[in-house]
């Protein structure tokens, strides 16, 4: 399902922005982040993760030659297994 908008607008539920890869890894390993939004801007770059490391193959296939989010969604809708997997 889709999250209630109230959760996204609740000031207590705003994302915690971390600045370094070390802070992010420490939070993942030791933090109490289960109900928090934790963001690492430029995270894939800071963690030295490639596009292939970060995005599943089926999603990468759907992204090929897309010009918009609409194109991507249209492709995902044609793949019921993805709808089930990522819902």
N, C-alpha and C. Protein backbone atom coordinates (compact mmCIF):
# COMPACT_ATOMS: atom_id res chain seq x y z
N UNK A 1 0.80 -1.18 0.00
CA UNK A 1 0.00 0.00 0.00
C UNK A 1 0.85 1.26 0.00
N UNK A 2 0.20 2.36 -0.09
CA UNK A 2 0.86 3.66 -0.08
C UNK A 2 0.78 4.24 1.32
N UNK A 3 1.86 4.83 1.76
CA UNK A 3 1.89 5.42 3.10
C UNK A 3 0.89 6.55 3.19
N UNK A 4 0.30 6.71 4.36
CA UNK A 4 -0.56 7.89 4.56
C UNK A 4 0.26 9.17 4.47
N UNK A 5 -0.29 10.18 3.84
CA UNK A 5 0.40 11.45 3.67
C UNK A 5 0.78 12.04 5.03
N UNK A 6 -0.03 11.79 6.05
CA UNK A 6 0.25 12.34 7.38
C UNK A 6 1.64 11.92 7.88
N UNK A 7 2.05 10.69 7.55
CA UNK A 7 3.37 10.25 7.98
C UNK A 7 4.47 11.06 7.33
N UNK A 8 4.29 11.36 6.06
CA UNK A 8 5.31 12.13 5.34
C UNK A 8 5.35 13.58 5.80
N UNK A 9 4.22 14.10 6.28
CA UNK A 9 4.14 15.50 6.70
C UNK A 9 4.43 15.69 8.18
N UNK A 10 4.52 14.63 8.94
CA UNK A 10 4.77 14.71 10.38
C UNK A 10 6.20 15.20 10.62
N UNK A 11 6.36 16.35 11.33
CA UNK A 11 7.71 16.88 11.56
C UNK A 11 8.62 15.91 12.32
N UNK A 12 8.04 15.03 13.10
CA UNK A 12 8.85 14.05 13.83
C UNK A 12 9.37 12.96 12.91
N UNK A 13 8.84 12.87 11.69
CA UNK A 13 9.21 11.82 10.75
C UNK A 13 10.09 12.33 9.61
N UNK A 14 10.70 13.49 9.77
CA UNK A 14 11.55 14.04 8.72
C UNK A 14 12.83 13.22 8.62
N UNK A 15 13.41 13.16 7.43
CA UNK A 15 14.62 12.34 7.26
C UNK A 15 15.79 12.89 8.06
N UNK A 16 16.62 11.95 8.49
CA UNK A 16 17.89 12.30 9.11
C UNK A 16 18.94 12.24 8.02
N UNK A 17 19.59 13.33 7.77
CA UNK A 17 20.59 13.39 6.70
C UNK A 17 21.96 13.18 7.31
N UNK A 18 22.67 12.18 6.81
CA UNK A 18 24.03 11.89 7.27
C UNK A 18 24.99 12.42 6.21
N UNK A 19 26.23 12.70 6.64
CA UNK A 19 27.16 13.38 5.74
C UNK A 19 28.29 12.52 5.20
N UNK A 20 28.57 11.41 5.86
CA UNK A 20 29.70 10.59 5.41
C UNK A 20 29.28 9.13 5.29
N UNK A 21 30.04 8.40 4.51
CA UNK A 21 29.79 6.97 4.36
C UNK A 21 29.95 6.28 5.72
N UNK A 22 30.91 6.72 6.50
CA UNK A 22 31.13 6.14 7.83
C UNK A 22 29.92 6.30 8.74
N UNK A 23 29.34 7.50 8.75
CA UNK A 23 28.14 7.74 9.55
C UNK A 23 26.99 6.83 9.10
N UNK A 24 26.85 6.69 7.79
CA UNK A 24 25.77 5.87 7.24
C UNK A 24 25.94 4.41 7.62
N UNK A 25 27.13 3.88 7.45
CA UNK A 25 27.39 2.48 7.79
C UNK A 25 27.20 2.25 9.28
N UNK A 26 27.68 3.18 10.10
CA UNK A 26 27.50 3.06 11.56
C UNK A 26 26.02 3.03 11.91
N UNK A 27 25.23 3.89 11.27
CA UNK A 27 23.78 3.93 11.52
C UNK A 27 23.13 2.61 11.13
N UNK A 28 23.52 2.07 9.97
CA UNK A 28 22.95 0.80 9.52
C UNK A 28 23.28 -0.34 10.48
N UNK A 29 24.51 -0.35 10.97
CA UNK A 29 24.94 -1.45 11.82
C UNK A 29 24.51 -1.31 13.27
N UNK A 30 24.51 -0.09 13.78
CA UNK A 30 24.31 0.11 15.22
C UNK A 30 23.10 0.95 15.59
N UNK A 31 22.54 1.68 14.63
CA UNK A 31 21.48 2.63 14.95
C UNK A 31 20.11 2.00 15.08
N UNK A 32 19.22 2.79 15.64
CA UNK A 32 17.81 2.40 15.76
C UNK A 32 17.06 3.16 14.67
N UNK A 33 17.13 2.65 13.45
CA UNK A 33 16.63 3.36 12.28
C UNK A 33 15.42 2.69 11.63
N UNK A 34 14.86 1.69 12.27
CA UNK A 34 13.80 0.88 11.65
C UNK A 34 12.61 1.73 11.21
N UNK A 35 12.24 2.74 11.98
CA UNK A 35 11.10 3.57 11.61
C UNK A 35 11.51 4.98 11.19
N UNK A 36 12.79 5.13 10.86
CA UNK A 36 13.31 6.45 10.47
C UNK A 36 13.63 6.46 8.98
N UNK A 37 13.67 7.67 8.44
CA UNK A 37 14.19 7.90 7.10
C UNK A 37 15.63 8.33 7.28
N UNK A 38 16.57 7.60 6.75
CA UNK A 38 17.98 7.95 6.85
C UNK A 38 18.49 8.15 5.43
N UNK A 39 19.08 9.32 5.17
CA UNK A 39 19.50 9.68 3.82
C UNK A 39 20.99 10.00 3.82
N UNK A 40 21.68 9.49 2.82
CA UNK A 40 23.08 9.83 2.58
C UNK A 40 23.16 10.44 1.20
N UNK A 41 23.13 11.78 1.10
CA UNK A 41 23.22 12.41 -0.22
C UNK A 41 24.49 11.95 -0.95
N UNK A 42 24.31 11.67 -2.25
CA UNK A 42 25.41 11.14 -3.08
C UNK A 42 25.92 9.82 -2.52
N UNK A 43 25.00 9.06 -1.90
CA UNK A 43 25.37 7.82 -1.21
C UNK A 43 26.05 6.79 -2.08
N UNK A 44 25.55 6.59 -3.30
CA UNK A 44 26.19 5.58 -4.14
C UNK A 44 27.63 5.97 -4.47
N UNK A 45 27.85 7.25 -4.67
CA UNK A 45 29.21 7.73 -4.93
C UNK A 45 30.09 7.57 -3.68
N UNK A 46 29.58 8.02 -2.53
CA UNK A 46 30.36 7.95 -1.29
C UNK A 46 30.65 6.51 -0.86
N UNK A 47 29.73 5.60 -1.17
CA UNK A 47 29.91 4.20 -0.81
C UNK A 47 30.57 3.39 -1.93
N UNK A 48 30.93 4.09 -3.01
CA UNK A 48 31.59 3.48 -4.17
C UNK A 48 30.76 2.34 -4.75
N UNK A 49 29.47 2.61 -4.93
CA UNK A 49 28.56 1.63 -5.52
C UNK A 49 28.22 2.06 -6.94
N UNK A 50 28.27 1.12 -7.85
CA UNK A 50 27.94 1.42 -9.24
C UNK A 50 26.43 1.32 -9.45
N UNK A 51 25.99 1.76 -10.61
CA UNK A 51 24.59 1.64 -11.00
C UNK A 51 24.17 0.17 -10.93
N UNK A 52 25.04 -0.73 -11.41
CA UNK A 52 24.75 -2.15 -11.40
C UNK A 52 24.66 -2.70 -9.97
N UNK A 53 25.48 -2.16 -9.06
CA UNK A 53 25.44 -2.60 -7.66
C UNK A 53 24.17 -2.12 -6.95
N UNK A 54 23.64 -0.99 -7.37
CA UNK A 54 22.58 -0.31 -6.64
C UNK A 54 21.17 -0.60 -7.14
N UNK A 55 21.03 -0.93 -8.41
CA UNK A 55 19.71 -1.09 -9.02
C UNK A 55 19.56 -2.53 -9.52
N UNK A 56 18.52 -3.24 -9.11
CA UNK A 56 18.34 -4.62 -9.57
C UNK A 56 18.24 -4.71 -11.10
N UNK A 57 18.67 -5.84 -11.63
CA UNK A 57 18.72 -6.06 -13.08
C UNK A 57 17.36 -5.83 -13.74
N UNK A 58 16.28 -6.33 -13.15
CA UNK A 58 14.97 -6.16 -13.79
C UNK A 58 14.57 -4.69 -13.87
N UNK A 59 14.93 -3.91 -12.86
CA UNK A 59 14.64 -2.48 -12.89
C UNK A 59 15.50 -1.79 -13.95
N UNK A 60 16.78 -2.17 -14.02
CA UNK A 60 17.66 -1.58 -15.04
C UNK A 60 17.13 -1.87 -16.44
N UNK A 61 16.62 -3.07 -16.67
CA UNK A 61 16.06 -3.40 -17.98
C UNK A 61 14.87 -2.50 -18.31
N UNK A 62 14.01 -2.28 -17.34
CA UNK A 62 12.84 -1.42 -17.57
C UNK A 62 13.24 0.03 -17.80
N UNK A 63 14.34 0.45 -17.23
CA UNK A 63 14.80 1.84 -17.39
C UNK A 63 15.42 2.12 -18.75
N UNK A 64 15.87 1.08 -19.44
CA UNK A 64 16.55 1.29 -20.72
C UNK A 64 15.65 2.03 -21.70
N UNK A 65 16.19 3.11 -22.24
CA UNK A 65 15.53 3.95 -23.24
C UNK A 65 14.26 4.65 -22.76
N UNK A 66 14.05 4.73 -21.46
CA UNK A 66 12.90 5.49 -20.94
C UNK A 66 13.21 6.97 -21.01
N UNK A 67 12.21 7.75 -21.36
CA UNK A 67 12.36 9.21 -21.42
C UNK A 67 11.70 9.89 -20.24
N UNK A 68 10.90 9.13 -19.49
CA UNK A 68 10.17 9.75 -18.38
C UNK A 68 9.78 8.69 -17.37
N UNK A 69 9.33 9.15 -16.21
CA UNK A 69 8.81 8.23 -15.19
C UNK A 69 7.60 7.48 -15.74
N UNK A 70 6.81 8.16 -16.56
CA UNK A 70 5.64 7.53 -17.17
C UNK A 70 6.06 6.33 -18.01
N UNK A 71 7.11 6.48 -18.81
CA UNK A 71 7.61 5.37 -19.62
C UNK A 71 8.01 4.19 -18.73
N UNK A 72 8.71 4.50 -17.65
CA UNK A 72 9.16 3.45 -16.74
C UNK A 72 7.97 2.71 -16.13
N UNK A 73 7.00 3.45 -15.63
CA UNK A 73 5.83 2.83 -15.01
C UNK A 73 5.06 1.98 -16.02
N UNK A 74 4.94 2.48 -17.23
CA UNK A 74 4.25 1.71 -18.28
C UNK A 74 4.94 0.36 -18.50
N UNK A 75 6.25 0.36 -18.48
CA UNK A 75 7.00 -0.89 -18.66
C UNK A 75 6.82 -1.82 -17.47
N UNK A 76 6.87 -1.26 -16.28
CA UNK A 76 6.69 -2.09 -15.08
C UNK A 76 5.29 -2.72 -15.08
N UNK A 77 4.30 -1.97 -15.50
CA UNK A 77 2.93 -2.49 -15.54
C UNK A 77 2.78 -3.66 -16.50
N UNK A 78 3.68 -3.77 -17.46
CA UNK A 78 3.66 -4.89 -18.40
C UNK A 78 4.34 -6.14 -17.84
N UNK A 79 4.92 -6.01 -16.65
CA UNK A 79 5.64 -7.13 -16.04
C UNK A 79 5.04 -7.46 -14.68
N UNK A 80 4.02 -8.31 -14.65
CA UNK A 80 3.32 -8.62 -13.39
C UNK A 80 4.25 -9.11 -12.29
N UNK A 81 5.31 -9.82 -12.66
CA UNK A 81 6.24 -10.32 -11.64
C UNK A 81 6.93 -9.18 -10.90
N UNK A 82 7.18 -8.08 -11.60
CA UNK A 82 7.78 -6.91 -10.95
C UNK A 82 6.77 -6.23 -10.04
N UNK A 83 5.54 -6.16 -10.48
CA UNK A 83 4.51 -5.54 -9.64
C UNK A 83 4.41 -6.27 -8.32
N UNK A 84 4.46 -7.59 -8.37
CA UNK A 84 4.37 -8.39 -7.15
C UNK A 84 5.64 -8.23 -6.31
N UNK A 85 6.77 -8.24 -6.96
CA UNK A 85 8.06 -8.18 -6.26
C UNK A 85 8.27 -6.85 -5.54
N UNK A 86 7.88 -5.74 -6.16
CA UNK A 86 8.20 -4.42 -5.61
C UNK A 86 7.02 -3.68 -4.99
N UNK A 87 5.90 -4.33 -4.83
CA UNK A 87 4.75 -3.61 -4.28
C UNK A 87 4.89 -3.32 -2.82
